[in-house]
Every structure is written in C-alpha cells, then in structure tokens.
Amino acid sequence: MKQWIAIVLIAAGAQSASADGLKSLESFMRGVQSGKSDFTQTVTSPSKDGQAPRVKTSTGSFEFQRPGRFKFAYKKPFEQTIVADGKTLWLYDADLNQVTQRAQDKALGSTPAALLASAPDLQALQKEFTLQSAPEQDGLQWVVASPKSPDGQLKSVRVGFAGENLAALDIQDSFGQRSQIRFTSMQTNTSLPASVFQFKPPAGADVVKQ
C-alpha cells in the first residue's frame, strides 16, 4: 500500500500566473462534481547509500464524485484498488489478497484525495491546506497546497490545470518521496453508477481494520 502513501497529494510567480492557478482550482471545485480519467503515476524514492533513486511507474483509472467518493484502480504493473464510499476507505492489494479498512473521516483530511474529491468547496479545502499559485510550467497552471496539520506524512502537493481541467498532481512526502500523477482523457460531470464506489472484500481476502 505504499502507493497510497504516495497518493495519500513555493513562492508565487508573476501576478498573472498567480491568478490563473487559483482561478482554475476554484472553477474546478465549483463546477466539477464528478469525473473519470486514466492516469500514469511515477514514484521516485530518494537515493540511499550513493545508489541512484528508485523509480516506479504505474497506470490505472480514476473516478470521483464529490463530496467524498472516489476510486483509484491500479492495473499495471500490480493490481491495487483504493475506494472511498463516503464512510469507509478500502485498500485492496490483489497480489496479497489483503484488504485494509479505515474510517474515511480519519484517513483523508490532509491528503491529495481531499483536493480532488472530498472537500465540497474551496472554503472547506482552505481549512486543511494553505493554497498558493505557482508559475506556469509544462503548459499548465499550478497551485501549491501545503497541509496545515504538521503531523501528516504529506509535505506538499502541486496541482496542475490545463485551463479548468485537472491535468496533474506532483506530491512530495516527508520521507523525500515524490509522486507525479498525470491524468489523461479526463471526462467531467459524467454520470457514474453508485456501484463504482461500492466495495466488497473478495472471498478469502484477509481484512485488516485500522
């Protein structure tokens, strides 16, 4: 479940760039209630003992319905599923046939998931994060979200927008690990069946409650 820690989301530039990033985030929070996308995630671990940093790449799909419901389905190289149903956060590792079950309200406060799916509006998001715009980079407008709680594993999250469409996350944790997520084929305000955010542990799976 290390990928969840990586998922589990700077100074401002010129005035015009500063306005664009926050404006895009505000428009996303106000106008987008649901969506689905494919994603590629690259996790870079810090180098140790003079060795080169380790880099792992994963692909999958992402669906969300605000507030409080989302699903990350990792497909390659290993199958993992993360589902938030509004009350419970489920983490399923297919190779281990293990499910981790956590109370959602205790698990998601200052995480990238709060940026994408949990917070109902920008005001609620600002209770958990300090938000700053950053200069345009790679053709995207960026917002830096720094958690106000000093106790979490998340250091900062950069959220990238192409116009008003969510395009990227760049996540730094307190262990020096960096996770870059790029969203492709994003569809917003789509109709998603309730079954998308329902999870039932597979038969024979080891269920761990935290």
Foldseek 3Di string as FASTA:
>chain_A
DVVCVQQLFDDADDPVLFVQAVVLLQCCLPPFFKKKWKKKKWKWADDDPPDHIDIDIWIFMKIEGPAWWIKTFTDPPFTWIWTTLRFWIWIAGPVQLAIEIEGVVVSNQQGVCCSPHHPNGPVSLVVFWDWTWYGDDPQWTWIKTAGPDPPDQWGIWIWTDNRNHTAWIWTATPNGMIMIMGTPPMDTPDDDDSVVRDDDRDPPGHYHYD
